[in-house]
């Protein structure tokens, strides 16, 4: 009887001691002292991205700058499209790691949309790195007037040609043709690869404007806007759909909604 009572009391004391340790102030301080998860930690934990950038769409007044935070798994390079000013550029190290980059817009910048593309050094790609990871980052800048005029709305683009990265690390371009009613994908040599248009149900093709390349669920989409609220159908041939898919594009972000190839 004494042994049974002693055993029961021992279990009660052990339980109370465990609870005390679990909720002790010392343990609380230790928990609070745990380091935050960094970009590098997230990569090691399966975070499938070569780049992690704080903002993909920003507004900057002509003559001003904006700071963004970017993580790059490996050294990288960048280029711009759409700019007219020599003073529109990106201040960055092009080294691996997390850094604060600065995008500068020239005071004489005449365009309302400028795109910055950050690309991983292709020599660092190998079979040890997941093939589903994003290999580039895009920043679209809506250039705002220096003074005196209204800002450009975020959903309004005036671009007729946008850089379009292609599968395999190659570069391409998506451009508007046929009075801005057809979007054509070109390779780096200017060869037409595939095209699509948009239908609004009227029997006529609405005019299009282009935005930057966007991603959803690790898939690439062309940003396309129209003035017609009824434009919600993507028109593309079977052969062109096959080409678009092979080049790394799943569909169109049409007036803010993601639409896969039909």
C-alpha atoms as a PDB file:
ATOM      1  CA  UNK A   1       0.000   0.000   0.000  1.00  0.00           C
ATOM      2  CA  UNK A   2       2.835   2.372   0.905  1.00  0.00           C
ATOM      3  CA  UNK A   3       4.646   1.559  -2.355  1.00  0.00           C
ATOM      4  CA  UNK A   4       1.473   2.263  -4.369  1.00  0.00           C
ATOM      5  CA  UNK A   5       0.909   5.597  -2.591  1.00  0.00           C
ATOM      6  CA  UNK A   6       4.564   6.564  -3.076  1.00  0.00           C
ATOM      7  CA  UNK A   7       4.363   5.732  -6.805  1.00  0.00           C
ATOM      8  CA  UNK A   8       1.214   7.824  -7.263  1.00  0.00           C
ATOM      9  CA  UNK A   9       2.731  10.829  -5.482  1.00  0.00           C
ATOM     10  CA  UNK A  10       5.877  10.528  -7.612  1.00  0.00           C
ATOM     11  CA  UNK A  11       3.849  10.651 -10.834  1.00  0.00           C
ATOM     12  CA  UNK A  12       1.906  13.716  -9.614  1.00  0.00           C
ATOM     13  CA  UNK A  13       5.104  15.561  -8.691  1.00  0.00           C
ATOM     14  CA  UNK A  14       6.700  14.682 -12.033  1.00  0.00           C
ATOM     15  CA  UNK A  15       3.682  15.998 -13.943  1.00  0.00           C
ATOM     16  CA  UNK A  16       3.649  19.236 -11.962  1.00  0.00           C
ATOM     17  CA  UNK A  17       7.379  19.737 -12.490  1.00  0.00           C
ATOM     18  CA  UNK A  18       7.006  19.218 -16.277  1.00  0.00           C
ATOM     19  CA  UNK A  19       4.214  21.765 -16.432  1.00  0.00           C
ATOM     20  CA  UNK A  20       6.267  24.244 -14.424  1.00  0.00           C
ATOM     21  CA  UNK A  21       9.236  23.850 -16.767  1.00  0.00           C
ATOM     22  CA  UNK A  22       7.063  24.172 -19.865  1.00  0.00           C
ATOM     23  CA  UNK A  23       5.566  27.466 -18.735  1.00  0.00           C
ATOM     24  CA  UNK A  24       8.455  28.899 -16.773  1.00  0.00           C
ATOM     25  CA  UNK A  25       9.599  32.494 -17.462  1.00  0.00           C
ATOM     26  CA  UNK A  26      13.031  31.168 -18.419  1.00  0.00           C
ATOM     27  CA  UNK A  27      11.565  28.982 -21.174  1.00  0.00           C
ATOM     28  CA  UNK A  28       9.448  31.890 -22.373  1.00  0.00           C
ATOM     29  CA  UNK A  29      12.579  34.024 -22.734  1.00  0.00           C
ATOM     30  CA  UNK A  30      14.320  31.242 -24.628  1.00  0.00           C
ATOM     31  CA  UNK A  31      11.356  30.966 -27.026  1.00  0.00           C
ATOM     32  CA  UNK A  32      11.369  34.697 -27.598  1.00  0.00           C
ATOM     33  CA  UNK A  33      15.083  34.607 -28.324  1.00  0.00           C
ATOM     34  CA  UNK A  34      14.664  32.150 -31.235  1.00  0.00           C
ATOM     35  CA  UNK A  35      15.964  33.827 -34.414  1.00  0.00           C
ATOM     36  CA  UNK A  36      13.515  34.812 -37.130  1.00  0.00           C
ATOM     37  CA  UNK A  37      13.400  32.642 -40.226  1.00  0.00           C
ATOM     38  CA  UNK A  38      15.543  34.239 -42.907  1.00  0.00           C
ATOM     39  CA  UNK A  39      15.355  33.846 -46.657  1.00  0.00           C
ATOM     40  CA  UNK A  40      18.318  31.495 -46.567  1.00  0.00           C
ATOM     41  CA  UNK A  41      16.620  29.359 -43.915  1.00  0.00           C
ATOM     42  CA  UNK A  42      13.467  29.204 -45.978  1.00  0.00           C
ATOM     43  CA  UNK A  43      15.466  28.028 -48.975  1.00  0.00           C
ATOM     44  CA  UNK A  44      17.056  25.240 -46.949  1.00  0.00           C
ATOM     45  CA  UNK A  45      13.583  24.335 -45.679  1.00  0.00           C
ATOM     46  CA  UNK A  46      12.328  23.898 -49.240  1.00  0.00           C
ATOM     47  CA  UNK A  47      11.488  27.485 -50.199  1.00  0.00           C
ATOM     48  CA  UNK A  48      11.608  27.037 -53.962  1.00  0.00           C
ATOM     49  CA  UNK A  49      12.789  30.386 -55.238  1.00  0.00           C
ATOM     50  CA  UNK A  50      16.037  31.809 -56.497  1.00  0.00           C
ATOM     51  CA  UNK A  51      14.707  35.291 -55.792  1.00  0.00           C
ATOM     52  CA  UNK A  52      12.491  36.834 -53.136  1.00  0.00           C
ATOM     53  CA  UNK A  53      11.651  40.486 -53.713  1.00  0.00           C
ATOM     54  CA  UNK A  54       9.573  42.723 -51.461  1.00  0.00           C
ATOM     55  CA  UNK A  55       7.579  44.496 -54.219  1.00  0.00           C
ATOM     56  CA  UNK A  56       6.926  43.590 -57.839  1.00  0.00           C
ATOM     57  CA  UNK A  57       4.932  46.711 -58.742  1.00  0.00           C
ATOM     58  CA  UNK A  58       5.918  50.181 -57.509  1.00  0.00           C
ATOM     59  CA  UNK A  59       5.165  53.815 -58.286  1.00  0.00           C
ATOM     60  CA  UNK A  60       8.101  56.209 -58.485  1.00  0.00           C
ATOM     61  CA  UNK A  61       8.039  59.867 -59.488  1.00  0.00           C
ATOM     62  CA  UNK A  62      10.376  60.956 -62.253  1.00  0.00           C
ATOM     63  CA  UNK A  63      13.635  62.106 -60.673  1.00  0.00           C
ATOM     64  CA  UNK A  64      13.107  60.027 -57.519  1.00  0.00           C
ATOM     65  CA  UNK A  65      14.054  56.560 -56.217  1.00  0.00           C
ATOM     66  CA  UNK A  66      12.573  53.642 -54.284  1.00  0.00           C
ATOM     67  CA  UNK A  67      14.263  51.064 -52.065  1.00  0.00           C
ATOM     68  CA  UNK A  68      13.283  47.380 -52.175  1.00  0.00           C
ATOM     69  CA  UNK A  69      14.552  44.331 -50.317  1.00  0.00           C
ATOM     70  CA  UNK A  70      15.704  41.402 -52.445  1.00  0.00           C
ATOM     71  CA  UNK A  71      17.137  37.968 -51.742  1.00  0.00           C
ATOM     72  CA  UNK A  72      19.148  36.236 -54.483  1.00  0.00           C
ATOM     73  CA  UNK A  73      20.259  32.639 -54.067  1.00  0.00           C
ATOM     74  CA  UNK A  74      23.223  33.114 -56.440  1.00  0.00           C
ATOM     75  CA  UNK A  75      24.939  36.036 -58.223  1.00  0.00           C
ATOM     76  CA  UNK A  76      22.671  37.640 -60.801  1.00  0.00           C
ATOM     77  CA  UNK A  77      22.444  40.308 -63.476  1.00  0.00           C
ATOM     78  CA  UNK A  78      19.660  42.674 -64.490  1.00  0.00           C
ATOM     79  CA  UNK A  79      18.405  44.630 -67.459  1.00  0.00           C
ATOM     80  CA  UNK A  80      15.648  47.158 -68.103  1.00  0.00           C
ATOM     81  CA  UNK A  81      13.068  47.613 -70.835  1.00  0.00           C
ATOM     82  CA  UNK A  82      10.890  50.570 -71.741  1.00  0.00           C
ATOM     83  CA  UNK A  83      13.070  53.315 -70.306  1.00  0.00           C
ATOM     84  CA  UNK A  84      14.101  56.425 -72.231  1.00  0.00           C
ATOM     85  CA  UNK A  85      16.366  58.055 -69.656  1.00  0.00           C
ATOM     86  CA  UNK A  86      20.013  57.164 -69.064  1.00  0.00           C
ATOM     87  CA  UNK A  87      19.403  57.956 -65.404  1.00  0.00           C
ATOM     88  CA  UNK A  88      16.842  55.163 -65.009  1.00  0.00           C
ATOM     89  CA  UNK A  89      18.766  52.286 -63.465  1.00  0.00           C
ATOM     90  CA  UNK A  90      19.060  49.938 -60.490  1.00  0.00           C
ATOM     91  CA  UNK A  91      21.612  50.284 -57.731  1.00  0.00           C
ATOM     92  CA  UNK A  92      22.395  46.729 -56.601  1.00  0.00           C
ATOM     93  CA  UNK A  93      25.372  44.481 -55.813  1.00  0.00           C
ATOM     94  CA  UNK A  94      24.437  41.600 -58.161  1.00  0.00           C
ATOM     95  CA  UNK A  95      25.798  39.275 -55.460  1.00  0.00           C
ATOM     96  CA  UNK A  96      24.111  36.405 -53.637  1.00  0.00           C
ATOM     97  CA  UNK A  97      22.315  37.133 -50.372  1.00  0.00           C
ATOM     98  CA  UNK A  98      19.793  39.614 -49.005  1.00  0.00           C
ATOM     99  CA  UNK A  99      20.277  43.286 -49.777  1.00  0.00           C
ATOM    100  CA  UNK A 100      18.472  46.572 -50.176  1.00  0.00           C
ATOM    101  CA  UNK A 101      18.353  47.612 -53.822  1.00  0.00           C
ATOM    102  CA  UNK A 102      17.485  51.085 -55.089  1.00  0.00           C
ATOM    103  CA  UNK A 103      15.599  51.752 -58.298  1.00  0.00           C
ATOM    104  CA  UNK A 104      16.298  55.183 -59.750  1.00  0.00           C
ATOM    105  CA  UNK A 105      14.016  56.892 -62.270  1.00  0.00           C
ATOM    106  CA  UNK A 106      15.530  59.684 -64.339  1.00  0.00           C
ATOM    107  CA  UNK A 107      14.023  63.152 -64.093  1.00  0.00           C
ATOM    108  CA  UNK A 108      13.711  63.125 -67.896  1.00  0.00           C
ATOM    109  CA  UNK A 109      12.047  59.683 -68.058  1.00  0.00           C
ATOM    110  CA  UNK A 110       9.341  59.911 -70.744  1.00  0.00           C
ATOM    111  CA  UNK A 111       7.775  56.448 -70.343  1.00  0.00           C
ATOM    112  CA  UNK A 112       5.017  55.619 -67.861  1.00  0.00           C
ATOM    113  CA  UNK A 113       6.035  51.957 -67.525  1.00  0.00           C
ATOM    114  CA  UNK A 114       9.565  50.668 -66.995  1.00  0.00           C
ATOM    115  CA  UNK A 115      10.470  47.041 -66.254  1.00  0.00           C
ATOM    116  CA  UNK A 116      13.450  45.705 -64.312  1.00  0.00           C
ATOM    117  CA  UNK A 117      14.368  42.032 -64.810  1.00  0.00           C
ATOM    118  CA  UNK A 118      16.773  40.263 -62.444  1.00  0.00           C
ATOM    119  CA  UNK A 119      18.256  37.031 -63.783  1.00  0.00           C
ATOM    120  CA  UNK A 120      20.233  34.278 -62.122  1.00  0.00           C
ATOM    121  CA  UNK A 121      23.650  33.563 -63.606  1.00  0.00           C
ATOM    122  CA  UNK A 122      22.875  30.569 -65.866  1.00  0.00           C
ATOM    123  CA  UNK A 123      26.208  28.934 -65.032  1.00  0.00           C
ATOM    124  CA  UNK A 124      24.913  28.339 -61.494  1.00  0.00           C
ATOM    125  CA  UNK A 125      21.926  26.276 -62.626  1.00  0.00           C
ATOM    126  CA  UNK A 126      22.439  22.548 -62.128  1.00  0.00           C
ATOM    127  CA  UNK A 127      20.520  19.365 -61.399  1.00  0.00           C
ATOM    128  CA  UNK A 128      20.886  19.846 -57.626  1.00  0.00           C
ATOM    129  CA  UNK A 129      18.494  22.816 -57.707  1.00  0.00           C
ATOM    130  CA  UNK A 130      14.750  22.276 -57.981  1.00  0.00           C
ATOM    131  CA  UNK A 131      13.502  22.839 -61.503  1.00  0.00           C
ATOM    132  CA  UNK A 132      10.303  24.466 -60.189  1.00  0.00           C
ATOM    133  CA  UNK A 133      12.102  27.420 -58.625  1.00  0.00           C
ATOM    134  CA  UNK A 134      11.628  30.938 -59.962  1.00  0.00           C
ATOM    135  CA  UNK A 135      14.777  31.884 -61.874  1.00  0.00           C
ATOM    136  CA  UNK A 136      14.104  35.588 -62.216  1.00  0.00           C
ATOM    137  CA  UNK A 137      12.385  38.481 -60.496  1.00  0.00           C
ATOM    138  CA  UNK A 138      10.458  41.291 -62.139  1.00  0.00           C
ATOM    139  CA  UNK A 139       9.765  44.800 -60.913  1.00  0.00           C
ATOM    140  CA  UNK A 140       7.316  46.940 -62.864  1.00  0.00           C
ATOM    141  CA  UNK A 141       7.605  50.666 -62.235  1.00  0.00           C
ATOM    142  CA  UNK A 142       4.698  53.005 -62.901  1.00  0.00           C
ATOM    143  CA  UNK A 143       6.541  56.250 -63.499  1.00  0.00           C
ATOM    144  CA  UNK A 144       4.631  59.135 -61.965  1.00  0.00           C
ATOM    145  CA  UNK A 145       4.828  62.743 -63.169  1.00  0.00           C
ATOM    146  CA  UNK A 146       7.264  64.850 -61.195  1.00  0.00           C
ATOM    147  CA  UNK A 147       4.466  67.357 -60.487  1.00  0.00           C
ATOM    148  CA  UNK A 148       1.256  68.873 -61.800  1.00  0.00           C
ATOM    149  CA  UNK A 149      -0.438  65.750 -63.200  1.00  0.00           C
ATOM    150  CA  UNK A 150      -2.427  62.864 -61.776  1.00  0.00           C
ATOM    151  CA  UNK A 151      -0.696  59.576 -61.067  1.00  0.00           C
ATOM    152  CA  UNK A 152      -1.080  56.663 -63.470  1.00  0.00           C
ATOM    153  CA  UNK A 153      -3.560  54.102 -62.062  1.00  0.00           C
ATOM    154  CA  UNK A 154      -1.990  50.742 -61.207  1.00  0.00           C
ATOM    155  CA  UNK A 155      -4.237  48.801 -63.596  1.00  0.00           C
ATOM    156  CA  UNK A 156      -3.533  51.070 -66.573  1.00  0.00           C
ATOM    157  CA  UNK A 157      -0.574  50.187 -68.785  1.00  0.00           C
ATOM    158  CA  UNK A 158       0.514  51.694 -72.064  1.00  0.00           C
ATOM    159  CA  UNK A 159       3.178  49.159 -72.998  1.00  0.00           C
ATOM    160  CA  UNK A 160       3.060  47.593 -76.452  1.00  0.00           C
ATOM    161  CA  UNK A 161       6.125  45.428 -75.954  1.00  0.00           C
ATOM    162  CA  UNK A 162       7.299  43.666 -72.791  1.00  0.00           C
ATOM    163  CA  UNK A 163      10.285  41.421 -72.095  1.00  0.00           C
ATOM    164  CA  UNK A 164       9.158  37.810 -71.783  1.00  0.00           C
ATOM    165  CA  UNK A 165      11.643  35.294 -70.337  1.00  0.00           C
ATOM    166  CA  UNK A 166      11.449  31.925 -72.098  1.00  0.00           C
ATOM    167  CA  UNK A 167      11.938  28.423 -70.741  1.00  0.00           C
ATOM    168  CA  UNK A 168      15.548  27.330 -70.752  1.00  0.00           C
ATOM    169  CA  UNK A 169      16.907  30.665 -69.586  1.00  0.00           C
ATOM    170  CA  UNK A 170      16.410  32.437 -72.926  1.00  0.00           C
ATOM    171  CA  UNK A 171      14.916  35.878 -73.498  1.00  0.00           C
ATOM    172  CA  UNK A 172      11.922  36.809 -75.584  1.00  0.00           C
ATOM    173  CA  UNK A 173       9.392  39.585 -76.100  1.00  0.00           C
ATOM    174  CA  UNK A 174       5.616  39.806 -76.111  1.00  0.00           C
ATOM    175  CA  UNK A 175       4.416  42.580 -78.428  1.00  0.00           C
ATOM    176  CA  UNK A 176       1.136  43.899 -79.798  1.00  0.00           C
ATOM    177  CA  UNK A 177       0.350  43.675 -83.524  1.00  0.00           C
ATOM    178  CA  UNK A 178      -2.645  44.185 -85.849  1.00  0.00           C
ATOM    179  CA  UNK A 179      -3.655  47.524 -84.411  1.00  0.00           C
ATOM    180  CA  UNK A 180      -2.970  46.301 -80.854  1.00  0.00           C
ATOM    181  CA  UNK A 181      -5.549  43.493 -81.038  1.00  0.00           C
ATOM    182  CA  UNK A 182      -3.122  40.536 -81.148  1.00  0.00           C
ATOM    183  CA  UNK A 183      -0.287  39.693 -78.730  1.00  0.00           C
ATOM    184  CA  UNK A 184       2.660  37.976 -80.413  1.00  0.00           C
ATOM    185  CA  UNK A 185       5.491  36.149 -78.636  1.00  0.00           C
ATOM    186  CA  UNK A 186       8.948  36.571 -80.220  1.00  0.00           C
ATOM    187  CA  UNK A 187      12.280  34.941 -79.427  1.00  0.00           C
ATOM    188  CA  UNK A 188      15.522  36.893 -78.921  1.00  0.00           C
ATOM    189  CA  UNK A 189      16.161  36.907 -82.687  1.00  0.00           C
ATOM    190  CA  UNK A 190      12.773  38.494 -83.390  1.00  0.00           C
ATOM    191  CA  UNK A 191      11.188  35.315 -84.774  1.00  0.00           C
ATOM    192  CA  UNK A 192       7.434  35.085 -84.191  1.00  0.00           C
ATOM    193  CA  UNK A 193       6.633  32.009 -82.086  1.00  0.00           C
ATOM    194  CA  UNK A 194       2.935  32.145 -81.169  1.00  0.00           C
ATOM    195  CA  UNK A 195       0.077  34.598 -80.671  1.00  0.00           C
ATOM    196  CA  UNK A 196      -3.281  35.068 -78.970  1.00  0.00           C
ATOM    197  CA  UNK A 197      -6.140  37.557 -78.921  1.00  0.00           C
ATOM    198  CA  UNK A 198      -9.058  38.366 -76.626  1.00  0.00           C
ATOM    199  CA  UNK A 199     -12.795  38.131 -77.310  1.00  0.00           C
ATOM    200  CA  UNK A 200     -15.533  40.243 -75.748  1.00  0.00           C
ATOM    201  CA  UNK A 201     -18.402  38.437 -77.459  1.00  0.00           C
ATOM    202  CA  UNK A 202     -19.087  41.219 -79.952  1.00  0.00           C
ATOM    203  CA  UNK A 203     -17.362  39.541 -82.873  1.00  0.00           C
ATOM    204  CA  UNK A 204     -14.623  42.166 -82.834  1.00  0.00           C
ATOM    205  CA  UNK A 205     -11.246  41.888 -81.131  1.00  0.00           C
ATOM    206  CA  UNK A 206     -10.714  44.609 -78.490  1.00  0.00           C
ATOM    207  CA  UNK A 207      -7.481  46.545 -78.317  1.00  0.00           C
ATOM    208  CA  UNK A 208      -4.962  45.334 -75.726  1.00  0.00           C
ATOM    209  CA  UNK A 209      -2.344  46.842 -73.463  1.00  0.00           C
ATOM    210  CA  UNK A 210       0.416  44.852 -71.789  1.00  0.00           C
ATOM    211  CA  UNK A 211       1.837  44.698 -68.285  1.00  0.00           C
ATOM    212  CA  UNK A 212       4.717  42.729 -66.812  1.00  0.00           C
ATOM    213  CA  UNK A 213       4.964  38.945 -66.544  1.00  0.00           C
ATOM    214  CA  UNK A 214       3.263  37.720 -63.354  1.00  0.00           C
ATOM    215  CA  UNK A 215       3.172  34.380 -61.573  1.00  0.00           C
ATOM    216  CA  UNK A 216       0.566  32.271 -59.827  1.00  0.00           C
ATOM    217  CA  UNK A 217       1.328  28.839 -58.356  1.00  0.00           C
ATOM    218  CA  UNK A 218       4.805  29.071 -59.916  1.00  0.00           C
ATOM    219  CA  UNK A 219       3.327  29.466 -63.409  1.00  0.00           C
ATOM    220  CA  UNK A 220       3.938  32.428 -65.719  1.00  0.00           C
ATOM    221  CA  UNK A 221       1.145  34.580 -67.156  1.00  0.00           C
ATOM    222  CA  UNK A 222       1.093  37.522 -69.564  1.00  0.00           C
ATOM    223  CA  UNK A 223      -0.589  40.597 -68.071  1.00  0.00           C
ATOM    224  CA  UNK A 224      -3.183  41.898 -70.539  1.00  0.00           C
ATOM    225  CA  UNK A 225      -5.731  44.672 -70.043  1.00  0.00           C
ATOM    226  CA  UNK A 226      -8.625  45.816 -72.211  1.00  0.00           C
ATOM    227  CA  UNK A 227     -11.091  48.695 -72.078  1.00  0.00           C
ATOM    228  CA  UNK A 228     -13.991  46.281 -72.577  1.00  0.00           C
ATOM    229  CA  UNK A 229     -15.490  44.868 -69.371  1.00  0.00           C
ATOM    230  CA  UNK A 230     -16.876  41.912 -71.342  1.00  0.00           C
ATOM    231  CA  UNK A 231     -13.470  40.795 -72.597  1.00  0.00           C
ATOM    232  CA  UNK A 232     -12.988  37.519 -70.745  1.00  0.00           C
ATOM    233  CA  UNK A 233     -12.145  34.867 -73.352  1.00  0.00           C
ATOM    234  CA  UNK A 234      -8.648  34.091 -74.634  1.00  0.00           C
ATOM    235  CA  UNK A 235      -8.460  33.046 -78.289  1.00  0.00           C
ATOM    236  CA  UNK A 236      -5.492  30.855 -79.249  1.00  0.00           C
ATOM    237  CA  UNK A 237      -4.935  27.992 -81.698  1.00  0.00           C
ATOM    238  CA  UNK A 238      -3.945  24.512 -80.551  1.00  0.00           C
ATOM    239  CA  UNK A 239      -0.487  24.819 -82.092  1.00  0.00           C
ATOM    240  CA  UNK A 240       0.143  28.240 -80.547  1.00  0.00           C
ATOM    241  CA  UNK A 241      -1.061  27.001 -77.157  1.00  0.00           C
ATOM    242  CA  UNK A 242       1.464  24.166 -77.348  1.00  0.00           C
ATOM    243  CA  UNK A 243       4.248  26.636 -78.142  1.00  0.00           C
ATOM    244  CA  UNK A 244       3.242  29.020 -75.341  1.00  0.00           C
ATOM    245  CA  UNK A 245       3.159  26.142 -72.858  1.00  0.00           C
ATOM    246  CA  UNK A 246       6.547  24.852 -74.014  1.00  0.00           C
ATOM    247  CA  UNK A 247       8.002  28.357 -73.608  1.00  0.00           C
ATOM    248  CA  UNK A 248       6.820  28.499 -69.985  1.00  0.00           C
ATOM    249  CA  UNK A 249       3.475  30.333 -70.091  1.00  0.00           C
ATOM    250  CA  UNK A 250       0.230  28.933 -68.680  1.00  0.00           C
ATOM    251  CA  UNK A 251      -2.126  31.687 -69.806  1.00  0.00           C
ATOM    252  CA  UNK A 252      -3.081  35.328 -69.357  1.00  0.00           C
ATOM    253  CA  UNK A 253      -3.762  37.585 -66.374  1.00  0.00           C
ATOM    254  CA  UNK A 254      -6.703  39.271 -68.111  1.00  0.00           C
ATOM    255  CA  UNK A 255      -7.989  42.472 -66.504  1.00  0.00           C
ATOM    256  CA  UNK A 256      -6.767  41.187 -63.152  1.00  0.00           C
ATOM    257  CA  UNK A 257      -8.078  37.595 -63.441  1.00  0.00           C
ATOM    258  CA  UNK A 258      -5.890  34.580 -64.195  1.00  0.00           C
ATOM    259  CA  UNK A 259      -7.096  32.683 -67.275  1.00  0.00           C
ATOM    260  CA  UNK A 260      -5.368  29.487 -68.422  1.00  0.00           C
ATOM    261  CA  UNK A 261      -5.053  28.652 -72.095  1.00  0.00           C
ATOM    262  CA  UNK A 262      -8.360  27.193 -73.336  1.00  0.00           C
END
